[in-house]
Amino acid sequence: MYCTQCGKELAETAIVCPNCGSPTKNFEKTNETKVVKDNYDKYGLKPVAKIFMIIATVAMGIAIIPLAWCIPMTIVYCEKIKNKEPISLAFKICTLIFVSRIAGILMLCADELE
């Protein structure tokens, strides 16, 4: 990798050029990631949605068939919020329809408020 300003050869992990101090592509990537993670769920709606998904899954325990989609969807959602990964619109709508109305609404509102 070479500096776009002075042309000096850089290490692959360099964030700024040691010769001229200009930022590299790695600098842009680290700043984008930090901004996304800093704004992640500042209103706290995602953990509340997780709780409602768990409550809905337990409540549907009487009917065994709905558990075929409630348990996997709840587990996937828990993992995604733990890893701070984005949740797709389709997943939010499926949660709204098949698991918990409240959790689905909270998921949809969480991204609107951020």
Protein backbone atom coordinates (compact mmCIF):
# COMPACT_ATOMS: atom_id res chain seq x y z
CA MET A 1 0.00 0.00 0.00
CA TYR A 2 1.26 3.47 -0.89
CA CYS A 3 0.39 6.93 0.44
CA THR A 4 -1.94 8.85 -1.87
CA GLN A 5 -0.26 12.18 -0.96
CA CYS A 6 3.50 11.55 -0.96
CA GLY A 7 3.76 8.09 -2.56
CA LYS A 8 5.76 6.51 0.27
CA GLU A 9 5.24 2.76 0.84
CA LEU A 10 3.07 2.01 3.88
CA ALA A 11 2.39 -0.99 6.06
CA GLU A 12 -0.96 -2.69 5.38
CA THR A 13 -2.21 -1.73 8.85
CA ALA A 14 -1.09 1.93 8.71
CA ILE A 15 -3.73 4.44 9.71
CA VAL A 16 -1.71 7.55 8.79
CA CYS A 17 1.38 8.02 6.62
CA PRO A 18 4.52 8.28 8.81
CA ASN A 19 6.12 10.57 6.21
CA CYS A 20 3.44 13.22 5.58
CA GLY A 21 0.75 12.38 8.15
CA SER A 22 -2.12 12.06 5.70
CA PRO A 23 -4.89 9.56 6.59
CA THR A 24 -5.06 6.23 4.77
CA LYS A 25 -8.02 4.02 3.84
CA ASN A 26 -7.65 2.27 7.21
CA PHE A 27 -8.22 5.61 8.98
CA GLU A 28 -11.55 6.07 7.21
CA LYS A 29 -12.65 2.53 8.10
CA THR A 30 -11.83 2.91 11.81
CA ASN A 31 -13.75 6.20 12.04
CA GLU A 32 -16.84 4.77 10.31
CA THR A 33 -16.92 1.78 12.65
CA LYS A 34 -16.54 3.94 15.74
CA VAL A 35 -19.41 6.25 14.78
CA VAL A 36 -21.76 3.33 14.13
CA LYS A 37 -20.94 1.63 17.45
CA ASP A 38 -21.17 4.88 19.47
CA ASN A 39 -24.75 5.51 18.28
CA TYR A 40 -25.86 1.90 18.74
CA ASP A 41 -29.14 1.74 20.66
CA LYS A 42 -28.79 4.97 22.61
CA TYR A 43 -32.47 4.77 23.66
CA GLY A 44 -32.24 1.20 25.00
CA LEU A 45 -35.14 -0.17 22.95
CA LYS A 46 -33.29 -3.25 21.67
CA PRO A 47 -32.90 -4.95 25.07
CA VAL A 48 -36.57 -4.22 25.81
CA ALA A 49 -37.54 -5.81 22.48
CA LYS A 50 -35.42 -8.83 23.44
CA ILE A 51 -37.32 -9.18 26.71
CA PHE A 52 -40.68 -9.04 24.93
CA MET A 53 -39.48 -11.68 22.43
CA ILE A 54 -38.53 -13.99 25.30
CA ILE A 55 -41.87 -13.40 27.05
CA ALA A 56 -43.77 -14.12 23.80
CA THR A 57 -41.76 -17.30 23.22
CA VAL A 58 -42.51 -18.56 26.72
CA ALA A 59 -46.20 -17.63 26.36
CA MET A 60 -46.42 -19.58 23.10
CA GLY A 61 -44.98 -22.63 24.81
CA ILE A 62 -48.50 -24.04 25.13
CA ALA A 63 -48.73 -24.42 21.35
CA ILE A 64 -45.66 -26.30 20.20
CA ILE A 65 -45.79 -25.34 16.49
CA PRO A 66 -45.15 -21.57 16.98
CA LEU A 67 -42.01 -22.41 18.93
CA ALA A 68 -40.48 -23.63 15.66
CA TRP A 69 -39.98 -19.99 14.64
CA CYS A 70 -40.12 -18.12 17.98
CA ILE A 71 -37.11 -19.78 19.56
CA PRO A 72 -34.76 -19.42 16.55
CA MET A 73 -35.84 -15.81 15.93
CA THR A 74 -35.29 -14.91 19.59
CA ILE A 75 -31.85 -16.54 19.62
CA VAL A 76 -30.82 -14.79 16.39
CA TYR A 77 -32.01 -11.44 17.71
CA CYS A 78 -30.16 -11.89 21.01
CA GLU A 79 -26.94 -12.70 19.16
CA LYS A 80 -27.33 -9.72 16.82
CA ILE A 81 -27.79 -7.20 19.62
CA LYS A 82 -24.95 -8.81 21.58
CA ASN A 83 -22.62 -8.41 18.58
CA LYS A 84 -24.10 -4.98 17.68
CA GLU A 85 -25.04 -6.18 14.19
CA PRO A 86 -27.78 -4.56 12.13
CA ILE A 87 -31.19 -6.22 12.00
CA SER A 88 -32.91 -6.42 8.63
CA LEU A 89 -36.31 -4.90 7.99
CA ALA A 90 -37.68 -8.33 6.98
CA PHE A 91 -36.63 -9.78 10.34
CA LYS A 92 -38.32 -6.91 12.19
CA ILE A 93 -41.55 -7.39 10.25
CA CYS A 94 -41.50 -11.17 10.79
CA THR A 95 -41.02 -10.55 14.51
CA LEU A 96 -43.96 -8.15 14.45
CA ILE A 97 -46.20 -10.74 12.75
CA PHE A 98 -45.06 -14.07 14.18
CA VAL A 99 -43.46 -13.49 17.59
CA SER A 100 -44.45 -10.32 19.44
CA ARG A 101 -46.21 -7.20 18.28
CA ILE A 102 -44.55 -5.09 20.95
CA ALA A 103 -41.04 -6.41 20.23
CA GLY A 104 -41.53 -5.84 16.48
CA ILE A 105 -42.70 -2.28 17.03
CA LEU A 106 -39.78 -1.58 19.37
CA MET A 107 -37.33 -2.95 16.78
CA LEU A 108 -38.79 -0.75 14.06
CA CYS A 109 -38.77 2.33 16.31
CA ALA A 110 -35.23 1.78 17.63
CA ASP A 111 -33.60 2.53 14.28
CA GLU A 112 -35.92 5.46 13.58
CA LEU A 113 -34.87 7.21 16.78
CA GLU A 114 -31.14 6.73 16.27
